[in-house]
Amino acid sequence: MSQRVYNLFQRSIEAKMQVGEELAPLIEHAADRLVQALLDDKKILVCGNGPSAALAQIFSASLTDRFEKERPSLPAIWLGSNMASYTAIVTDAQHHEVYAKPLRALGQPSDVLLVISSSGNSVNLIHAVTAAHDRGLSVVALTGRNGGELANLLMPGDIELRAQVNARSRIHEIHLLVLYCLCDLIDHKLFGID
């Protein structure tokens, strides 16, 4: 059984190495976009479903609290954090609007929407990207496989960080690493933290 575990570690490492070289400059570009928004007193709005929602929470918590070292809090909002609003929207059978509605309420021009999706085909995330564009936000999209419908919605100036592998678990692992890279770069670029 320990050989199976070792093989899982190896597959994880191989998947990350497979996409790492291609993603590295895009991750830095995305970090620059997020840093510029923060320097302009804008905020980062984050959303995702299922495991991607957990990743969205990790990212927003790492910015509003701290990543590796203490530093001032940064404005990052997970759009699913208000349970009363979330359940009210869902109760009205508007599942596709669960992120778009709070985004329309909170999003301001030049804010950034960070959307996380392993498939790129979730209707509520597609609606969130459309709402972001309508409100003048730019989008940083963490996608998987072929990017799905989400990739087709991105506009010039948006950034896609695609984990182009087929295993869902590997995509989530890569997305977590990408988010940690973004946190590290943000801390380094804003506060000189090494």
Protein backbone atom coordinates (compact mmCIF):
# COMPACT_ATOMS: atom_id res chain seq x y z
CA MET A 1 0.00 0.00 0.00
CA SER A 2 2.87 2.40 0.68
CA GLN A 3 3.91 1.99 -2.97
CA ARG A 4 0.46 3.24 -4.02
CA VAL A 5 0.88 6.29 -1.79
CA TYR A 6 4.34 6.92 -3.21
CA ASN A 7 2.89 6.68 -6.74
CA LEU A 8 0.27 9.30 -5.84
CA PHE A 9 3.02 11.65 -4.67
CA GLN A 10 4.91 10.99 -7.88
CA ARG A 11 1.85 11.68 -10.07
CA SER A 12 1.25 14.94 -8.21
CA ILE A 13 4.83 16.07 -8.75
CA GLU A 14 4.77 15.05 -12.42
CA ALA A 15 1.54 16.96 -13.06
CA LYS A 16 2.94 20.10 -11.46
CA MET A 17 6.16 19.85 -13.44
CA GLN A 18 4.18 19.25 -16.64
CA VAL A 19 2.43 22.62 -16.40
CA GLY A 20 4.88 24.60 -14.26
CA GLU A 21 7.10 25.99 -17.00
CA GLU A 22 4.13 27.19 -19.05
CA LEU A 23 2.29 28.65 -16.04
CA ALA A 24 5.21 30.44 -14.36
CA PRO A 25 5.13 33.64 -16.50
CA LEU A 26 1.31 33.70 -16.43
CA ILE A 27 1.31 33.37 -12.64
CA GLU A 28 3.69 36.32 -12.40
CA HIS A 29 1.49 38.32 -14.79
CA ALA A 30 -1.59 37.48 -12.68
CA ALA A 31 0.26 38.49 -9.50
CA ASP A 32 1.13 41.82 -11.11
CA ARG A 33 -2.55 42.35 -11.95
CA LEU A 34 -3.61 41.58 -8.38
CA VAL A 35 -0.87 43.77 -6.90
CA GLN A 36 -1.84 46.68 -9.14
CA ALA A 37 -5.47 46.35 -8.06
CA LEU A 38 -4.41 46.37 -4.42
CA LEU A 39 -2.13 49.39 -4.94
CA ASP A 40 -5.10 51.18 -6.54
CA ASP A 41 -7.20 50.50 -3.40
CA LYS A 42 -9.28 47.91 -5.24
CA LYS A 43 -10.28 44.48 -4.00
CA ILE A 44 -10.08 40.87 -5.11
CA LEU A 45 -13.35 38.93 -5.28
CA VAL A 46 -12.99 35.15 -5.30
CA CYS A 47 -15.34 32.28 -6.16
CA GLY A 48 -15.41 28.59 -6.97
CA ASN A 49 -17.57 25.50 -6.36
CA GLY A 50 -16.95 22.41 -4.24
CA PRO A 51 -13.21 21.88 -3.71
CA SER A 52 -12.61 25.10 -5.67
CA ALA A 53 -14.74 26.97 -3.10
CA ALA A 54 -12.41 25.64 -0.40
CA LEU A 55 -9.44 26.89 -2.44
CA ALA A 56 -11.15 30.28 -2.81
CA GLN A 57 -11.50 30.45 0.98
CA ILE A 58 -7.85 29.52 1.50
CA PHE A 59 -6.76 32.26 -0.90
CA SER A 60 -8.97 34.99 0.56
CA ALA A 61 -7.98 34.01 4.13
CA SER A 62 -4.29 34.14 3.17
CA LEU A 63 -4.75 37.71 1.96
CA THR A 64 -7.03 39.06 4.69
CA ASP A 65 -5.00 37.46 7.49
CA ARG A 66 -1.48 36.50 6.43
CA PHE A 67 0.29 34.04 4.20
CA GLU A 68 3.70 33.11 5.67
CA LYS A 69 4.51 36.23 7.68
CA GLU A 70 2.60 39.00 9.40
CA ARG A 71 1.74 42.00 7.24
CA PRO A 72 -1.24 44.34 6.77
CA SER A 73 -4.52 42.73 5.76
CA LEU A 74 -5.46 42.85 2.10
CA PRO A 75 -9.02 43.18 0.71
CA ALA A 76 -10.02 39.78 -0.62
CA ILE A 77 -13.62 38.59 -0.41
CA TRP A 78 -14.86 35.05 -0.97
CA LEU A 79 -18.24 35.63 -2.62
CA GLY A 80 -19.82 32.60 -0.89
CA SER A 81 -18.99 33.76 2.63
CA ASN A 82 -22.37 35.34 3.47
CA MET A 83 -24.50 32.28 4.21
CA ALA A 84 -27.73 34.26 4.56
CA SER A 85 -27.32 35.83 1.11
CA TYR A 86 -26.12 32.54 -0.38
CA THR A 87 -29.13 30.58 0.85
CA ALA A 88 -31.58 33.37 -0.07
CA ILE A 89 -30.35 33.34 -3.66
CA VAL A 90 -30.45 29.54 -3.83
CA THR A 91 -33.92 29.41 -2.23
CA ASP A 92 -35.26 31.53 -5.07
CA ALA A 93 -33.97 28.86 -7.49
CA GLN A 94 -31.33 31.20 -8.86
CA HIS A 95 -28.37 28.86 -8.41
CA HIS A 96 -26.69 30.36 -11.46
CA GLU A 97 -26.74 33.80 -9.75
CA VAL A 98 -25.19 32.71 -6.45
CA TYR A 99 -21.91 34.52 -7.20
CA ALA A 100 -23.10 36.99 -9.83
CA LYS A 101 -25.53 38.78 -7.48
CA PRO A 102 -23.02 39.55 -4.71
CA LEU A 103 -20.47 40.43 -7.37
CA ARG A 104 -22.85 42.99 -8.85
CA ALA A 105 -23.38 44.42 -5.36
CA LEU A 106 -19.72 44.51 -4.28
CA GLY A 107 -17.70 44.70 -7.49
CA GLN A 108 -16.37 48.03 -8.66
CA PRO A 109 -14.50 48.88 -11.87
CA SER A 110 -10.86 47.76 -11.72
CA ASP A 111 -11.51 45.22 -8.96
CA VAL A 112 -10.41 41.71 -9.94
CA LEU A 113 -12.50 38.54 -9.97
CA LEU A 114 -10.44 35.41 -9.27
CA VAL A 115 -12.54 32.45 -10.40
CA ILE A 116 -11.50 28.85 -9.77
CA SER A 117 -12.97 25.94 -11.74
CA SER A 118 -11.53 22.53 -12.59
CA SER A 119 -14.01 22.05 -15.46
CA GLY A 120 -14.71 25.61 -16.56
CA ASN A 121 -18.33 24.67 -17.23
CA SER A 122 -20.22 25.62 -14.06
CA VAL A 123 -23.11 27.88 -14.98
CA ASN A 124 -22.87 29.96 -11.79
CA LEU A 125 -19.19 30.70 -12.47
CA ILE A 126 -19.94 31.59 -16.08
CA HIS A 127 -22.57 34.05 -14.81
CA ALA A 128 -20.04 35.47 -12.33
CA VAL A 129 -17.53 36.14 -15.12
CA THR A 130 -20.23 37.81 -17.23
CA ALA A 131 -21.27 39.96 -14.26
CA ALA A 132 -17.62 40.87 -13.63
CA HIS A 133 -17.19 42.04 -17.21
CA ASP A 134 -20.45 44.01 -17.01
CA ARG A 135 -19.14 45.78 -13.86
CA GLY A 136 -15.73 46.59 -15.35
CA LEU A 137 -13.72 43.99 -13.44
CA SER A 138 -10.86 42.05 -14.96
CA VAL A 139 -10.78 38.28 -14.47
CA VAL A 140 -8.07 35.88 -13.42
CA ALA A 141 -9.34 32.35 -14.10
CA LEU A 142 -7.83 29.16 -12.73
CA THR A 143 -9.12 26.43 -15.01
CA GLY A 144 -8.36 22.82 -15.85
CA ARG A 145 -8.39 20.40 -18.76
CA ASN A 146 -9.32 22.47 -21.86
CA GLY A 147 -10.61 25.50 -19.92
CA GLY A 148 -14.26 24.74 -20.67
CA GLU A 149 -16.83 27.44 -21.45
CA LEU A 150 -15.16 29.77 -18.99
CA ALA A 151 -12.08 30.04 -21.19
CA ASN A 152 -14.28 31.12 -24.10
CA LEU A 153 -15.74 34.02 -22.05
CA LEU A 154 -12.42 35.60 -21.18
CA MET A 155 -11.78 38.97 -22.74
CA PRO A 156 -8.51 40.56 -23.82
CA GLY A 157 -6.74 41.58 -20.65
CA ASP A 158 -8.14 38.68 -18.62
CA ILE A 159 -5.68 36.00 -17.54
CA GLU A 160 -6.22 32.25 -17.66
CA LEU A 161 -4.06 29.95 -15.56
CA ARG A 162 -4.95 26.55 -16.99
CA ALA A 163 -3.87 23.29 -15.36
CA GLN A 164 -4.01 21.31 -18.56
CA VAL A 165 -4.17 17.83 -17.05
CA ASN A 166 -7.09 15.41 -16.96
CA ALA A 167 -7.24 14.23 -13.34
CA ARG A 168 -9.51 16.37 -11.19
CA SER A 169 -7.41 15.82 -8.07
CA ARG A 170 -4.25 16.91 -9.89
CA ILE A 171 -6.02 20.05 -11.14
CA HIS A 172 -6.99 21.00 -7.57
CA GLU A 173 -3.44 20.34 -6.37
CA ILE A 174 -2.04 22.56 -9.11
CA HIS A 175 -4.62 25.26 -8.36
CA LEU A 176 -3.60 25.25 -4.68
CA LEU A 177 0.05 25.63 -5.65
CA VAL A 178 -0.83 28.46 -8.08
CA LEU A 179 -2.76 30.25 -5.32
CA TYR A 180 0.18 29.89 -2.95
CA CYS A 181 2.48 31.25 -5.66
CA LEU A 182 0.15 34.24 -6.06
CA CYS A 183 0.16 34.83 -2.28
CA ASP A 184 3.94 34.63 -2.16
CA LEU A 185 4.37 37.02 -5.09
CA ILE A 186 1.83 39.49 -3.68
CA ASP A 187 3.63 39.54 -0.33
CA HIS A 188 7.00 39.92 -2.03
CA LYS A 189 5.92 42.66 -4.45
CA LEU A 190 3.90 44.68 -1.91
CA PHE A 191 5.92 44.20 1.26
CA GLY A 192 9.32 42.87 0.19
CA ILE A 193 8.70 39.63 2.09
CA ASP A 194 11.08 36.84 1.06
